[in-house]
Protein backbone atom coordinates (compact mmCIF):
# COMPACT_ATOMS: atom_id res chain seq x y z
CA MET A 1 105.67 -101.21 -26.84
CA LYS A 2 103.55 -98.31 -25.57
CA HIS A 3 102.52 -100.36 -22.52
CA GLN A 4 106.17 -101.13 -21.66
CA LYS A 5 107.11 -97.47 -22.03
CA LEU A 6 104.26 -96.44 -19.71
CA LYS A 7 105.28 -99.12 -17.19
CA LEU A 8 108.89 -97.92 -17.19
CA ARG A 9 107.71 -94.33 -16.83
CA SER A 10 105.53 -95.27 -13.86
CA PHE A 11 108.50 -97.00 -12.15
CA VAL A 12 110.65 -93.90 -12.67
CA THR A 13 107.86 -91.62 -11.42
CA ILE A 14 107.32 -93.76 -8.31
CA ALA A 15 111.07 -93.71 -7.62
CA MET A 16 111.20 -89.93 -8.07
CA LEU A 17 108.18 -89.32 -5.83
CA SER A 18 109.62 -91.72 -3.23
CA SER A 19 112.87 -89.74 -3.20
CA ILE A 20 111.02 -86.44 -2.79
CA SER A 21 108.91 -87.99 -0.06
CA PHE A 22 112.04 -89.25 1.73
CA ILE A 23 113.61 -85.77 1.61
CA LEU A 24 110.40 -84.22 2.95
CA MET A 25 110.40 -86.83 5.73
CA LEU A 26 113.89 -85.67 6.78
CA LEU A 27 112.53 -82.12 7.15
CA ASN A 28 110.29 -83.12 10.04
CA PHE A 29 109.66 -80.91 13.05
CA PRO A 30 107.81 -81.20 16.36
CA LEU A 31 104.89 -79.06 17.41
CA PRO A 32 105.49 -77.55 20.84
CA TRP A 33 102.34 -78.79 22.57
CA PHE A 34 102.58 -82.45 21.46
CA PRO A 35 104.79 -85.34 22.61
CA VAL A 36 108.29 -85.08 21.20
CA PHE A 37 108.09 -88.40 19.31
CA LEU A 38 105.31 -86.97 17.12
CA GLN A 39 106.88 -85.12 14.21
CA ILE A 40 105.13 -83.19 11.44
CA ASP A 41 106.38 -83.75 7.92
CA PHE A 42 104.81 -83.38 4.52
CA SER A 43 106.11 -86.62 3.01
CA ASP A 44 102.56 -87.89 2.41
CA VAL A 45 102.02 -85.27 -0.31
CA PRO A 46 104.12 -87.06 -3.00
CA ALA A 47 102.48 -90.37 -2.04
CA LEU A 48 99.07 -88.78 -2.43
CA ILE A 49 100.06 -87.37 -5.83
CA ALA A 50 101.21 -90.87 -6.84
CA ALA A 51 97.91 -92.39 -5.69
CA ILE A 52 95.76 -89.77 -7.41
CA THR A 53 97.67 -89.95 -10.69
CA MET A 54 98.69 -93.62 -10.89
CA GLY A 55 96.47 -95.49 -8.44
CA PRO A 56 96.56 -96.78 -4.87
CA LEU A 57 99.43 -99.21 -5.45
CA ALA A 58 101.70 -96.37 -6.58
CA GLY A 59 100.83 -94.31 -3.49
CA THR A 60 101.40 -97.31 -1.24
CA LEU A 61 104.80 -97.97 -2.86
CA VAL A 62 105.86 -94.34 -2.32
CA GLU A 63 104.87 -94.64 1.36
CA LEU A 64 106.79 -97.92 1.65
CA PHE A 65 109.96 -96.75 -0.13
CA LYS A 66 110.21 -93.46 1.78
CA ASN A 67 110.01 -95.33 5.09
CA ILE A 68 112.57 -97.92 4.01
CA LEU A 69 114.94 -95.15 2.88
CA ASP A 70 114.44 -93.23 6.12
CA TRP A 71 115.05 -96.36 8.18
CA ILE A 72 118.26 -97.11 6.25
CA PHE A 73 119.59 -93.55 6.53
CA SER A 74 118.24 -92.49 9.94
CA GLY A 75 117.88 -95.76 11.78
CA ALA A 76 115.37 -96.38 14.53
CA PRO A 77 115.79 -95.63 18.25
CA THR A 78 114.38 -99.04 19.13
CA GLY A 79 116.45 -100.94 16.56
CA VAL A 80 113.08 -102.08 15.24
CA PRO A 81 111.40 -99.63 12.83
CA VAL A 82 108.28 -99.12 14.96
CA GLY A 83 108.04 -95.44 14.04
CA HIS A 84 108.49 -96.27 10.36
CA MET A 85 105.77 -98.89 10.52
CA ALA A 86 103.49 -96.35 12.21
CA ASN A 87 104.36 -93.72 9.60
CA PHE A 88 103.63 -96.17 6.78
CA VAL A 89 100.23 -97.09 8.22
CA THR A 90 99.45 -93.41 8.90
CA GLY A 91 100.18 -92.58 5.27
CA ILE A 92 98.04 -95.43 3.96
CA LEU A 93 95.13 -94.47 6.21
CA PHE A 94 95.39 -90.93 4.84
CA ILE A 95 95.95 -91.44 1.10
CA LEU A 96 93.60 -94.35 0.34
CA PRO A 97 90.34 -92.62 1.34
CA VAL A 98 91.43 -89.55 -0.63
CA TYR A 99 92.15 -91.67 -3.69
CA TYR A 100 88.84 -93.55 -3.63
CA ILE A 101 86.71 -90.46 -3.02
CA TYR A 102 88.58 -88.42 -5.64
CA LYS A 103 88.20 -91.31 -8.10
CA LYS A 104 84.41 -91.12 -7.70
CA LEU A 105 84.29 -87.31 -7.60
CA PRO A 106 87.32 -85.87 -9.49
CA THR A 107 86.74 -82.21 -8.57
CA ILE A 108 88.19 -79.82 -6.02
CA LYS A 109 85.16 -80.55 -3.81
CA GLY A 110 85.75 -84.28 -4.14
CA LEU A 111 89.42 -83.84 -3.28
CA THR A 112 88.57 -81.65 -0.28
CA PHE A 113 85.99 -84.15 0.96
CA GLY A 114 88.50 -86.96 0.46
CA LEU A 115 91.14 -85.05 2.44
CA VAL A 116 88.68 -84.51 5.30
CA VAL A 117 87.74 -88.21 5.31
CA GLY A 118 91.44 -89.15 5.06
CA THR A 119 92.21 -86.94 8.06
CA ILE A 120 89.43 -88.52 10.10
CA THR A 121 90.44 -92.05 9.05
CA MET A 122 94.10 -91.36 9.84
CA SER A 123 93.30 -89.77 13.21
CA VAL A 124 90.88 -92.42 14.45
CA GLY A 125 92.79 -95.33 12.91
CA MET A 126 96.13 -94.28 14.38
CA SER A 127 94.54 -93.68 17.78
CA LEU A 128 93.28 -97.26 17.79
CA LEU A 129 96.48 -98.74 16.34
CA ASN A 130 98.65 -96.82 18.79
CA TYR A 131 96.58 -98.17 21.64
CA VAL A 132 96.75 -101.81 20.56
CA ALA A 133 100.11 -101.99 18.77
CA PHE A 134 102.51 -99.08 18.35
CA LEU A 135 102.64 -97.61 21.87
CA PRO A 136 102.98 -101.07 23.45
CA MET A 137 105.83 -101.82 21.00
CA TYR A 138 107.55 -98.53 21.86
CA SER A 139 107.10 -99.25 25.57
CA TYR A 140 108.60 -102.69 25.19
CA PHE A 141 111.57 -101.79 22.97
CA LEU A 142 112.45 -98.47 24.62
CA GLY A 143 111.76 -99.61 28.15
CA TRP A 144 109.32 -96.82 28.85
CA GLY A 145 107.93 -97.01 32.33
CA SER A 146 104.22 -97.03 32.93
CA PHE A 147 102.30 -94.17 31.38
CA ASP A 148 98.68 -93.42 30.67
CA MET A 149 98.17 -94.67 27.10
CA LYS A 150 94.64 -93.29 26.89
CA GLU A 151 95.81 -89.83 27.92
CA THR A 152 98.71 -89.99 25.43
CA ILE A 153 96.28 -90.90 22.66
CA VAL A 154 93.47 -88.48 23.55
CA LEU A 155 95.71 -85.48 24.33
CA GLY A 156 98.60 -86.27 21.96
CA ILE A 157 98.12 -88.66 19.07
CA LEU A 158 94.50 -87.89 18.11
CA PRO A 159 94.83 -84.07 18.03
CA PHE A 160 98.28 -84.34 16.43
CA ASN A 161 96.90 -86.33 13.51
CA ILE A 162 93.99 -83.92 13.14
CA VAL A 163 96.42 -80.96 12.99
CA LYS A 164 98.65 -82.88 10.55
CA GLY A 165 95.64 -83.71 8.37
CA ILE A 166 94.52 -80.07 8.29
CA MET A 167 98.03 -78.94 7.33
CA LEU A 168 98.18 -81.59 4.58
CA LEU A 169 94.71 -80.57 3.38
CA VAL A 170 95.80 -76.95 2.93
CA ILE A 171 99.03 -77.88 1.14
CA VAL A 172 97.35 -80.40 -1.18
CA ILE A 173 94.55 -77.98 -2.12
CA VAL A 174 97.10 -75.25 -2.94
CA LEU A 175 99.18 -77.72 -4.99
CA PHE A 176 96.10 -79.10 -6.72
CA ARG A 177 95.03 -75.64 -7.85
CA THR A 178 98.42 -75.12 -9.52
CA MET A 179 98.84 -78.69 -10.82
CA ARG A 180 95.25 -79.48 -11.86
CA VAL A 181 96.01 -79.77 -15.59
CA TRP A 182 99.10 -81.91 -15.01
CA ILE A 183 97.22 -84.20 -12.60
CA GLY A 184 94.42 -84.56 -15.15
CA ASN A 185 96.90 -85.47 -17.89
CA GLN A 186 98.64 -88.03 -15.68
CA ARG A 187 95.35 -89.62 -14.65
CA ALA A 188 94.35 -89.85 -18.30
CA GLN A 189 97.55 -91.76 -19.12
CA TYR A 190 97.71 -94.07 -16.11
CA LEU A 191 94.17 -94.62 -14.90
CA LEU A 192 91.71 -94.19 -17.72
């Protein structure tokens, strides 16, 4: 009975965090010196909270559900959710390293180190994936003319993800300091 109650509670928590993440995704904004298709949002924070408190599957589900909701409500300029797929992968590349490092070292230093590694993983991983997959898909579906993909990645995507990671790092550290006890209690129920 207790196991079923905990399972139901985890489903409700994942749904709630997915909804918050979706709302945060709608509050996106561009940074003036980056390409317009790159938008900053803080929707990875609820997914990271889900991963830290309930495990990597919960964080992955929050990332998935927020992107599905955004695609349903906002659509995709290409008709194919290329941006949503990229956002999903970006989130996974960010939250999973944080989860695994914080699992081994559940302190503020461990979390900070995990956030730095997550930022690096997200930045390098998305640079590579944009080169081989996402930018070619955008070019194909949107009919973009020829452009310098390497320049777009080196001057746009890579620094954008570094800036995004730093912003997420600051927000997560501030939240963690205020939610440390709650996060510890949740981890004790779901993960230990």
